[in-house]
Structure formats: structure tokens, C-alpha cells
């Protein structure tokens, strides 16, 4: 279902880039870099480590979408791009389908970072790592939550849950 949101947006006072164009079909929570106003996957782990990553968080503005599982932004459409380093210290809710690791293997205290083209698949998703010291920006899992596990969605809700994370910086 790919859901990503700020945990408490009551004081959210951050900048987003509404002029960024998707280069492939994207869902909320996908992470990427911006090249010439285009959202593209990080080429290497070094790209991700630099900390200049963005995350997509669009409003579902397509009236034909009846199921959140069907919401995506197609190549050529605009995305709302939020630079993660602008939100260090804030908490985010992220659904488990945005993380390439199995839900059962991610626990509180684990670290999530963006994937890259070097990972060959799911290049805009997130992955678990053991040591975030070489990453400028990363997510620390605070707790597992039911975020994203809705039984009314496609196939009876195939997302097992989600994570409450804090955006951290080195």
C-alpha cells in the first residue's frame, strides 16, 4: 500500500519541491535524488550516504482511485518531494511494504536507509542496515505499529504493519 507520513504534522513547517517530475511509477514513501527536476533512483550506496535524499509524499488527488493501494504517480507526473535532512528529529510513519526486508526481521532500534540502483530491484525503497555511521541521513525504527495494515484494501490487506521511525543525522 506504500504509506508514508509525518507522525505529527501539526508543526510541520518544511519545504517541499512540487516541481519534481517522476521518471518512473512511484508511490508515497519512495526515496530518491533529484537531477534536473527529475526524481531518479540513487545510483550507488555512496549517493544514499551523502544525505541529499528526498521522499515522495503526494496527496491522493485522483478521484478515480477508490483504494489507497491503487494510488501511484506515473512517469511524467509531478511529485511532492521532501528533503529528509530538513526534517531531522521528526518522526515518520512508514508502511512495511516500503522496506525490502521482511516485516518479521525489522525491530525497534534497527536502522533504515534508502536503496540504490546497486540493489538492482526496489531501487526507491528502504532497507535495513546494521550500522548507520557512514550515512548522513537515516531512519531509526522506534517501534512496530499497525500503520498500513488495513483489511479493507486490496487482497484483504497484505501489508503486515508498519514502523514509527525518527529521521536521524550523523
N, C-alpha and C. Protein backbone atom coordinates (compact mmCIF):
# COMPACT_ATOMS: atom_id res chain seq x y z
N UNK A 1 0.81 -1.18 0.00
CA UNK A 1 0.00 0.00 0.00
C UNK A 1 0.86 1.25 0.00
N UNK A 2 2.10 1.17 0.40
CA UNK A 2 3.04 2.27 0.35
C UNK A 2 2.52 3.55 0.97
N UNK A 3 2.60 3.61 2.28
CA UNK A 3 2.15 4.79 3.01
C UNK A 3 3.31 5.38 3.79
N UNK A 4 3.40 6.70 3.75
CA UNK A 4 4.47 7.43 4.44
C UNK A 4 3.88 8.76 4.86
N UNK A 5 4.04 9.10 6.13
CA UNK A 5 3.52 10.40 6.59
C UNK A 5 4.31 10.84 7.81
N UNK A 6 4.29 12.13 8.03
CA UNK A 6 4.89 12.65 9.24
C UNK A 6 3.98 12.27 10.40
N UNK A 7 4.57 11.81 11.49
CA UNK A 7 3.81 11.31 12.62
C UNK A 7 2.95 12.40 13.25
N UNK A 8 3.48 13.58 13.36
CA UNK A 8 2.73 14.71 13.90
C UNK A 8 3.01 15.90 13.01
N UNK A 9 2.08 16.22 12.14
CA UNK A 9 2.29 17.31 11.19
C UNK A 9 1.71 18.63 11.69
N UNK A 10 1.32 18.72 12.95
CA UNK A 10 0.75 19.95 13.48
C UNK A 10 1.74 21.12 13.43
N UNK A 11 3.03 20.81 13.50
CA UNK A 11 4.01 21.88 13.49
C UNK A 11 4.91 21.79 12.26
N UNK A 12 4.51 21.01 11.29
CA UNK A 12 5.32 20.81 10.10
C UNK A 12 5.49 22.12 9.36
N UNK A 13 6.71 22.55 9.24
CA UNK A 13 6.99 23.82 8.62
C UNK A 13 8.17 23.63 7.68
N UNK A 14 8.03 22.69 6.77
CA UNK A 14 9.14 22.36 5.90
C UNK A 14 8.83 22.62 4.44
N UNK A 15 9.87 22.70 3.69
CA UNK A 15 9.81 22.98 2.27
C UNK A 15 9.65 21.69 1.48
N UNK A 16 8.81 21.73 0.45
CA UNK A 16 8.75 20.60 -0.47
C UNK A 16 8.98 21.13 -1.88
N UNK A 17 9.40 20.25 -2.76
CA UNK A 17 9.67 20.62 -4.16
C UNK A 17 8.52 20.10 -5.02
N UNK A 18 7.52 20.91 -5.32
CA UNK A 18 6.38 20.45 -6.11
C UNK A 18 6.65 20.43 -7.61
N UNK A 19 7.85 20.85 -8.03
CA UNK A 19 8.18 20.92 -9.45
C UNK A 19 8.96 19.70 -9.94
N UNK A 20 9.05 18.67 -9.12
CA UNK A 20 9.83 17.48 -9.45
C UNK A 20 8.95 16.50 -10.22
N UNK A 21 9.50 15.93 -11.28
CA UNK A 21 8.76 15.02 -12.15
C UNK A 21 9.23 13.58 -11.92
N UNK A 22 8.29 12.68 -11.83
CA UNK A 22 8.61 11.25 -11.67
C UNK A 22 9.19 10.71 -12.98
N UNK A 23 10.22 9.90 -12.88
CA UNK A 23 10.81 9.28 -14.08
C UNK A 23 10.34 7.84 -14.23
N UNK A 24 9.63 7.34 -13.24
CA UNK A 24 9.03 6.01 -13.26
C UNK A 24 7.82 6.04 -12.34
N UNK A 25 7.02 5.00 -12.36
CA UNK A 25 5.86 4.94 -11.47
C UNK A 25 6.35 4.91 -10.03
N UNK A 26 5.80 5.80 -9.20
CA UNK A 26 6.26 5.95 -7.82
C UNK A 26 5.07 5.93 -6.87
N UNK A 27 5.33 5.55 -5.64
CA UNK A 27 4.33 5.56 -4.57
C UNK A 27 4.84 6.39 -3.41
N UNK A 28 3.92 6.81 -2.55
CA UNK A 28 4.32 7.57 -1.36
C UNK A 28 5.34 6.78 -0.55
N UNK A 29 6.35 7.49 -0.08
CA UNK A 29 7.40 6.85 0.71
C UNK A 29 8.62 6.46 -0.09
N UNK A 30 8.54 6.50 -1.42
CA UNK A 30 9.72 6.19 -2.22
C UNK A 30 10.77 7.28 -1.97
N UNK A 31 12.03 6.87 -1.89
CA UNK A 31 13.12 7.82 -1.67
C UNK A 31 13.96 7.88 -2.94
N UNK A 32 14.55 9.06 -3.18
CA UNK A 32 15.23 9.29 -4.45
C UNK A 32 16.11 10.52 -4.35
N UNK A 33 16.82 10.80 -5.43
CA UNK A 33 17.55 12.06 -5.54
C UNK A 33 16.94 12.85 -6.69
N UNK A 34 17.26 14.12 -6.77
CA UNK A 34 16.72 14.98 -7.82
C UNK A 34 17.84 15.38 -8.76
N UNK A 35 17.61 15.13 -10.06
CA UNK A 35 18.54 15.53 -11.10
C UNK A 35 17.75 16.29 -12.15
N UNK A 36 18.05 17.56 -12.33
CA UNK A 36 17.34 18.41 -13.30
C UNK A 36 15.83 18.34 -13.12
N UNK A 37 15.38 18.49 -11.88
CA UNK A 37 13.95 18.44 -11.52
C UNK A 37 13.28 17.10 -11.82
N UNK A 38 14.07 16.04 -11.91
CA UNK A 38 13.54 14.69 -12.10
C UNK A 38 13.86 13.83 -10.89
N UNK A 39 12.88 13.05 -10.45
CA UNK A 39 13.09 12.11 -9.35
C UNK A 39 13.69 10.83 -9.92
N UNK A 40 14.92 10.54 -9.52
CA UNK A 40 15.61 9.35 -10.02
C UNK A 40 16.18 8.56 -8.84
N UNK A 41 16.33 7.27 -9.04
CA UNK A 41 16.91 6.42 -8.00
C UNK A 41 18.37 6.81 -7.78
N UNK A 42 18.83 6.67 -6.56
CA UNK A 42 20.25 6.87 -6.27
C UNK A 42 21.04 5.85 -7.08
N UNK A 43 22.15 6.26 -7.65
CA UNK A 43 22.94 5.34 -8.47
C UNK A 43 23.71 4.33 -7.62
N UNK A 44 24.27 4.79 -6.52
CA UNK A 44 25.12 3.94 -5.69
C UNK A 44 24.80 4.15 -4.21
N UNK A 45 25.35 3.28 -3.39
CA UNK A 45 25.21 3.46 -1.94
C UNK A 45 25.84 4.77 -1.50
N UNK A 46 26.89 5.20 -2.17
CA UNK A 46 27.54 6.48 -1.83
C UNK A 46 26.58 7.65 -2.03
N UNK A 47 25.74 7.57 -3.06
CA UNK A 47 24.72 8.59 -3.28
C UNK A 47 23.79 8.68 -2.07
N UNK A 48 23.36 7.53 -1.59
CA UNK A 48 22.46 7.49 -0.45
C UNK A 48 23.18 8.01 0.79
N UNK A 49 24.42 7.62 0.96
CA UNK A 49 25.20 8.04 2.13
C UNK A 49 25.41 9.54 2.20
N UNK A 50 25.38 10.23 1.06
CA UNK A 50 25.61 11.68 1.04
C UNK A 50 24.53 12.45 1.79
N UNK A 51 23.35 11.87 1.94
CA UNK A 51 22.30 12.51 2.72
C UNK A 51 21.46 13.52 1.97
N UNK A 52 21.62 13.59 0.66
CA UNK A 52 20.83 14.54 -0.12
C UNK A 52 19.64 13.83 -0.76
N UNK A 53 18.94 13.03 0.02
CA UNK A 53 17.81 12.27 -0.48
C UNK A 53 16.49 12.94 -0.19
N UNK A 54 15.53 12.63 -1.00
CA UNK A 54 14.17 13.15 -0.88
C UNK A 54 13.21 11.98 -0.73
N UNK A 55 12.02 12.27 -0.26
CA UNK A 55 10.98 11.26 -0.15
C UNK A 55 9.70 11.83 -0.76
N UNK A 56 8.96 10.98 -1.47
CA UNK A 56 7.71 11.40 -2.09
C UNK A 56 6.57 11.28 -1.10
N UNK A 57 5.75 12.32 -1.02
CA UNK A 57 4.57 12.27 -0.16
C UNK A 57 3.47 13.11 -0.82
N UNK A 58 2.78 12.50 -1.77
CA UNK A 58 1.72 13.19 -2.50
C UNK A 58 0.38 13.03 -1.82
N UNK A 59 -0.52 13.93 -2.14
CA UNK A 59 -1.90 13.85 -1.70
C UNK A 59 -2.66 13.04 -2.73
N UNK A 60 -3.51 12.14 -2.30
CA UNK A 60 -4.29 11.36 -3.26
C UNK A 60 -5.34 12.29 -3.85
N UNK A 61 -5.06 12.76 -5.05
CA UNK A 61 -5.92 13.75 -5.70
C UNK A 61 -6.56 13.22 -6.98
N UNK A 62 -6.62 11.92 -7.11
CA UNK A 62 -7.22 11.31 -8.30
C UNK A 62 -8.56 10.69 -7.89
N UNK A 63 -9.67 11.30 -8.30
CA UNK A 63 -10.97 10.83 -7.85
C UNK A 63 -11.29 9.39 -8.28
N UNK A 64 -10.63 8.91 -9.31
CA UNK A 64 -10.89 7.54 -9.77
C UNK A 64 -10.24 6.49 -8.87
N UNK A 65 -9.39 6.91 -7.94
CA UNK A 65 -8.72 5.99 -7.03
C UNK A 65 -9.65 5.70 -5.85
N UNK A 66 -10.13 4.48 -5.78
CA UNK A 66 -11.03 4.09 -4.69
C UNK A 66 -10.30 3.33 -3.59
N UNK A 67 -9.10 2.90 -3.86
CA UNK A 67 -8.34 2.08 -2.95
C UNK A 67 -6.95 2.67 -2.83
N UNK A 68 -6.47 2.93 -1.64
CA UNK A 68 -5.15 3.53 -1.49
C UNK A 68 -4.05 2.68 -2.12
N UNK A 69 -4.27 1.38 -2.24
CA UNK A 69 -3.30 0.50 -2.87
C UNK A 69 -3.11 0.83 -4.34
N UNK A 70 -4.11 1.46 -4.95
CA UNK A 70 -4.04 1.78 -6.37
C UNK A 70 -3.39 3.14 -6.64
N UNK A 71 -3.10 3.90 -5.59
CA UNK A 71 -2.55 5.23 -5.80
C UNK A 71 -1.07 5.17 -6.13
N UNK A 72 -0.72 5.81 -7.22
CA UNK A 72 0.67 5.97 -7.59
C UNK A 72 0.78 7.20 -8.49
N UNK A 73 1.98 7.65 -8.67
CA UNK A 73 2.26 8.75 -9.58
C UNK A 73 3.02 8.14 -10.75
N UNK A 74 2.51 8.35 -11.93
CA UNK A 74 3.12 7.76 -13.12
C UNK A 74 4.24 8.64 -13.65
N UNK A 75 5.13 8.04 -14.42
CA UNK A 75 6.23 8.80 -15.03
C UNK A 75 5.66 9.99 -15.78
N UNK A 76 6.29 11.14 -15.58
CA UNK A 76 5.85 12.37 -16.22
C UNK A 76 4.93 13.23 -15.36
N UNK A 77 4.42 12.66 -14.26
CA UNK A 77 3.58 13.42 -13.35
C UNK A 77 4.44 14.04 -12.25
N UNK A 78 3.88 15.03 -11.56
CA UNK A 78 4.62 15.73 -10.52
C UNK A 78 4.53 15.01 -9.18
N UNK A 79 5.62 15.08 -8.42
CA UNK A 79 5.64 14.54 -7.07
C UNK A 79 5.93 15.67 -6.09
N UNK A 80 5.43 15.52 -4.87
CA UNK A 80 5.81 16.41 -3.79
C UNK A 80 7.04 15.79 -3.15
N UNK A 81 8.17 16.46 -3.27
CA UNK A 81 9.44 15.92 -2.81
C UNK A 81 9.89 16.67 -1.55
N UNK A 82 10.06 15.92 -0.47
CA UNK A 82 10.53 16.49 0.78
C UNK A 82 11.96 16.03 1.03
N UNK A 83 12.87 16.97 1.28
CA UNK A 83 14.26 16.61 1.55
C UNK A 83 14.37 16.15 3.00
N UNK A 84 14.82 14.94 3.20
CA UNK A 84 14.86 14.34 4.53
C UNK A 84 15.72 15.12 5.51
N UNK A 85 16.84 15.67 5.06
CA UNK A 85 17.73 16.37 6.00
C UNK A 85 17.07 17.61 6.59
N UNK A 86 16.00 18.11 5.96
CA UNK A 86 15.28 19.25 6.51
C UNK A 86 14.36 18.87 7.67
N UNK A 87 14.21 17.57 7.91
CA UNK A 87 13.27 17.10 8.93
C UNK A 87 13.93 16.23 9.99
N UNK A 88 15.23 16.38 10.17
CA UNK A 88 15.95 15.60 11.19
C UNK A 88 15.32 15.85 12.55
N UNK A 89 15.09 14.77 13.27
CA UNK A 89 14.49 14.85 14.60
C UNK A 89 12.99 14.60 14.60
N UNK A 90 12.36 14.69 13.43
CA UNK A 90 10.92 14.42 13.36
C UNK A 90 10.67 12.93 13.19
N UNK A 91 9.48 12.51 13.57
CA UNK A 91 9.09 11.11 13.44
C UNK A 91 8.20 10.94 12.22
N UNK A 92 8.33 9.78 11.59
CA UNK A 92 7.51 9.44 10.43
C UNK A 92 6.91 8.05 10.62
N UNK A 93 5.75 7.85 10.03
CA UNK A 93 5.13 6.52 9.96
C UNK A 93 5.38 6.00 8.56
N UNK A 94 5.81 4.75 8.46
CA UNK A 94 6.14 4.15 7.18
C UNK A 94 5.57 2.74 7.14
N UNK A 95 4.89 2.39 6.06
CA UNK A 95 4.32 1.04 5.96
C UNK A 95 5.41 0.04 5.58
N UNK A 96 5.25 -1.19 6.02
CA UNK A 96 6.28 -2.22 5.85
C UNK A 96 6.57 -2.56 4.40
N UNK A 97 5.62 -2.33 3.49
CA UNK A 97 5.87 -2.66 2.09
C UNK A 97 6.87 -1.72 1.42
N UNK A 98 7.27 -0.67 2.10
CA UNK A 98 8.30 0.23 1.57
C UNK A 98 9.70 -0.23 1.96
N UNK A 99 9.77 -1.25 2.78
CA UNK A 99 11.06 -1.77 3.25
C UNK A 99 11.29 -3.13 2.61
N UNK A 100 12.46 -3.31 2.01
CA UNK A 100 12.74 -4.56 1.29
C UNK A 100 12.92 -5.75 2.22
N UNK A 101 13.23 -5.51 3.48
CA UNK A 101 13.39 -6.60 4.44
C UNK A 101 12.03 -7.06 4.96
N UNK A 102 11.92 -8.34 5.28
CA UNK A 102 10.67 -8.89 5.81
C UNK A 102 10.29 -8.20 7.12
N UNK A 103 9.00 -7.98 7.30
CA UNK A 103 8.49 -7.31 8.50
C UNK A 103 8.97 -7.98 9.77
N UNK A 104 9.02 -9.30 9.76
CA UNK A 104 9.42 -10.05 10.96
C UNK A 104 10.89 -9.85 11.33
N UNK A 105 11.71 -9.36 10.39
CA UNK A 105 13.14 -9.19 10.67
C UNK A 105 13.52 -7.77 11.08
N UNK A 106 12.55 -6.86 11.08
CA UNK A 106 12.83 -5.48 11.47
C UNK A 106 12.27 -5.25 12.87
N UNK A 107 13.07 -4.66 13.75
CA UNK A 107 12.68 -4.44 15.14
C UNK A 107 13.01 -3.02 15.57
N UNK A 108 12.48 -2.64 16.71
CA UNK A 108 12.83 -1.35 17.30
C UNK A 108 14.34 -1.29 17.50
N UNK A 109 14.93 -0.16 17.16
CA UNK A 109 16.37 0.00 17.27
C UNK A 109 17.11 -0.26 15.97
N UNK A 110 16.42 -0.83 14.97
CA UNK A 110 17.06 -1.06 13.67
C UNK A 110 17.13 0.25 12.89
N UNK A 111 17.95 0.25 11.85
CA UNK A 111 18.16 1.44 11.03
C UNK A 111 17.74 1.17 9.59
N UNK A 112 17.07 2.15 8.98
CA UNK A 112 16.64 2.04 7.59
C UNK A 112 17.30 3.14 6.77
N UNK A 113 17.78 2.75 5.58
CA UNK A 113 18.36 3.72 4.64
C UNK A 113 17.80 3.42 3.26
N UNK A 114 17.99 4.37 2.37
CA UNK A 114 17.49 4.20 1.00
C UNK A 114 18.28 3.17 0.23
N UNK A 115 17.58 2.52 -0.69
CA UNK A 115 18.22 1.59 -1.61
C UNK A 115 18.73 2.39 -2.82
N UNK A 116 19.51 1.75 -3.66
CA UNK A 116 20.04 2.41 -4.85
C UNK A 116 20.00 1.43 -6.03
N UNK A 117 20.41 1.91 -7.19
CA UNK A 117 20.44 1.04 -8.37
C UNK A 117 21.38 -0.14 -8.17
N UNK A 118 22.33 -0.01 -7.28
CA UNK A 118 23.24 -1.12 -6.97
C UNK A 118 22.49 -2.30 -6.34
N UNK A 119 21.32 -2.02 -5.75
CA UNK A 119 20.50 -3.08 -5.16
C UNK A 119 19.68 -3.83 -6.22
N UNK A 120 19.68 -3.36 -7.44
CA UNK A 120 19.06 -3.94 -8.64
C UNK A 120 17.54 -4.00 -8.66
N UNK A 121 16.87 -4.10 -7.54
CA UNK A 121 15.40 -4.10 -7.54
C UNK A 121 14.93 -3.24 -6.38
N UNK A 122 13.72 -2.71 -6.50
CA UNK A 122 13.19 -1.87 -5.44
C UNK A 122 14.11 -0.71 -5.14
N UNK A 123 14.62 -0.06 -6.18
CA UNK A 123 15.68 0.94 -6.01
C UNK A 123 15.23 2.21 -5.31
N UNK A 124 13.92 2.41 -5.14
CA UNK A 124 13.45 3.59 -4.41
C UNK A 124 12.85 3.22 -3.06
N UNK A 125 13.03 1.96 -2.66
CA UNK A 125 12.54 1.51 -1.36
C UNK A 125 13.59 1.75 -0.29
N UNK A 126 13.35 1.22 0.88
CA UNK A 126 14.24 1.33 2.04
C UNK A 126 14.77 -0.05 2.40
N UNK A 127 15.90 -0.10 3.10
CA UNK A 127 16.46 -1.37 3.56
C UNK A 127 17.06 -1.21 4.95
N UNK A 128 17.14 -2.32 5.64
CA UNK A 128 17.70 -2.36 6.99
C UNK A 128 19.21 -2.50 6.89
N UNK A 129 19.92 -1.77 7.76
CA UNK A 129 21.37 -1.91 7.85
C UNK A 129 21.75 -2.04 9.32
N UNK A 130 22.94 -2.56 9.56
CA UNK A 130 23.38 -2.77 10.94
C UNK A 130 24.02 -1.51 11.54
N UNK A 131 24.74 -0.75 10.71
CA UNK A 131 25.49 0.39 11.23
C UNK A 131 25.27 1.62 10.34
N UNK A 132 24.62 2.67 10.85
CA UNK A 132 24.35 3.84 10.02
C UNK A 132 25.46 4.90 10.04
N UNK A 133 26.61 4.58 10.61
CA UNK A 133 27.64 5.60 10.81
C UNK A 133 28.16 6.22 9.51
N UNK A 134 28.06 5.53 8.39
CA UNK A 134 28.54 6.10 7.12
C UNK A 134 27.42 6.81 6.35
N UNK A 135 26.23 6.89 6.93
CA UNK A 135 25.10 7.56 6.27
C UNK A 135 24.82 8.90 6.94
N UNK A 136 24.69 9.94 6.14
CA UNK A 136 24.40 11.26 6.69
C UNK A 136 22.99 11.33 7.26
N UNK A 137 22.04 10.67 6.59
CA UNK A 137 20.64 10.66 7.00
C UNK A 137 20.13 9.22 7.00
N UNK A 138 19.38 8.86 8.02
CA UNK A 138 18.81 7.51 8.11
C UNK A 138 17.58 7.56 8.99
N UNK A 139 16.82 6.48 8.98
CA UNK A 139 15.66 6.36 9.85
C UNK A 139 15.97 5.34 10.94
N UNK A 140 15.64 5.67 12.18
CA UNK A 140 15.77 4.70 13.26
C UNK A 140 14.38 4.23 13.64
N UNK A 141 14.17 2.92 13.64
CA UNK A 141 12.88 2.35 13.99
C UNK A 141 12.68 2.48 15.50
N UNK A 142 11.59 3.15 15.88
CA UNK A 142 11.26 3.32 17.29
C UNK A 142 10.38 2.17 17.77
N UNK A 143 9.39 1.83 16.93
CA UNK A 143 8.52 0.70 17.26
C UNK A 143 7.77 0.23 16.03
N UNK A 144 7.33 -1.02 16.10
CA UNK A 144 6.45 -1.56 15.06
C UNK A 144 5.03 -1.11 15.38
N UNK A 145 4.26 -0.82 14.34
CA UNK A 145 2.90 -0.33 14.52
C UNK A 145 1.97 -1.03 13.52
N UNK A 146 0.66 -0.85 13.66
CA UNK A 146 -0.26 -1.41 12.66
C UNK A 146 -0.41 -0.51 11.43
N UNK A 147 0.38 0.56 11.33
CA UNK A 147 0.28 1.51 10.23
C UNK A 147 0.42 0.80 8.88
N UNK A 148 -0.57 0.97 8.05
CA UNK A 148 -0.54 0.38 6.71
C UNK A 148 -1.22 -0.96 6.58
N UNK A 149 -1.67 -1.55 7.68
CA UNK A 149 -2.29 -2.88 7.62
C UNK A 149 -3.81 -2.76 7.68
N UNK A 150 -4.41 -2.39 6.58
CA UNK A 150 -5.84 -2.20 6.52
C UNK A 150 -6.50 -3.36 5.79
N UNK A 151 -7.42 -4.02 6.42
CA UNK A 151 -8.06 -5.19 5.83
C UNK A 151 -9.01 -4.83 4.70
N UNK A 152 -9.40 -3.56 4.58
CA UNK A 152 -10.32 -3.17 3.52
C UNK A 152 -9.61 -2.99 2.20
N UNK A 153 -8.29 -2.98 2.19
CA UNK A 153 -7.56 -2.74 0.96
C UNK A 153 -7.41 -4.01 0.12
N UNK A 154 -6.79 -3.83 -0.99
CA UNK A 154 -6.60 -4.87 -1.98
C UNK A 154 -6.14 -6.19 -1.35
N UNK A 155 -6.75 -7.27 -1.73
CA UNK A 155 -6.40 -8.61 -1.26
C UNK A 155 -6.54 -8.78 0.25
N UNK A 156 -7.42 -8.01 0.86
CA UNK A 156 -7.67 -8.16 2.29
C UNK A 156 -6.58 -7.58 3.16
N UNK A 157 -5.76 -6.72 2.60
CA UNK A 157 -4.71 -6.08 3.40
C UNK A 157 -3.49 -6.96 3.52
N UNK A 158 -2.60 -6.90 2.56
CA UNK A 158 -1.42 -7.76 2.55
C UNK A 158 -0.22 -7.15 3.29
N UNK A 159 -0.34 -5.92 3.75
CA UNK A 159 0.75 -5.28 4.48
C UNK A 159 0.63 -5.67 5.96
N UNK A 160 1.65 -6.28 6.53
CA UNK A 160 1.55 -6.76 7.91
C UNK A 160 1.57 -5.67 8.97
N UNK A 161 2.00 -4.48 8.61
CA UNK A 161 2.08 -3.39 9.59
C UNK A 161 3.01 -2.32 9.10
N UNK A 162 3.56 -1.58 10.03
CA UNK A 162 4.47 -0.51 9.67
C UNK A 162 5.40 -0.18 10.81
N UNK A 163 6.05 0.96 10.69
CA UNK A 163 7.05 1.36 11.67
C UNK A 163 6.91 2.83 11.99
N UNK A 164 7.13 3.16 13.24
CA UNK A 164 7.30 4.54 13.66
C UNK A 164 8.80 4.75 13.70
N UNK A 165 9.29 5.72 12.93
CA UNK A 165 10.73 5.96 12.82
C UNK A 165 11.05 7.42 13.12
N UNK A 166 12.28 7.65 13.52
CA UNK A 166 12.77 9.02 13.68
C UNK A 166 13.83 9.28 12.62
N UNK A 167 13.76 10.43 11.97
CA UNK A 167 14.76 10.82 11.00
C UNK A 167 15.99 11.31 11.77
N UNK A 168 17.12 10.68 11.49
CA UNK A 168 18.35 10.98 12.24
C UNK A 168 19.47 11.40 11.27
N UNK A 169 20.45 12.09 11.82
CA UNK A 169 21.60 12.54 11.03
C UNK A 169 22.90 12.26 11.76
N UNK A 170 23.93 12.03 11.00
CA UNK A 170 25.30 11.87 11.54
C UNK A 170 26.10 13.12 11.25
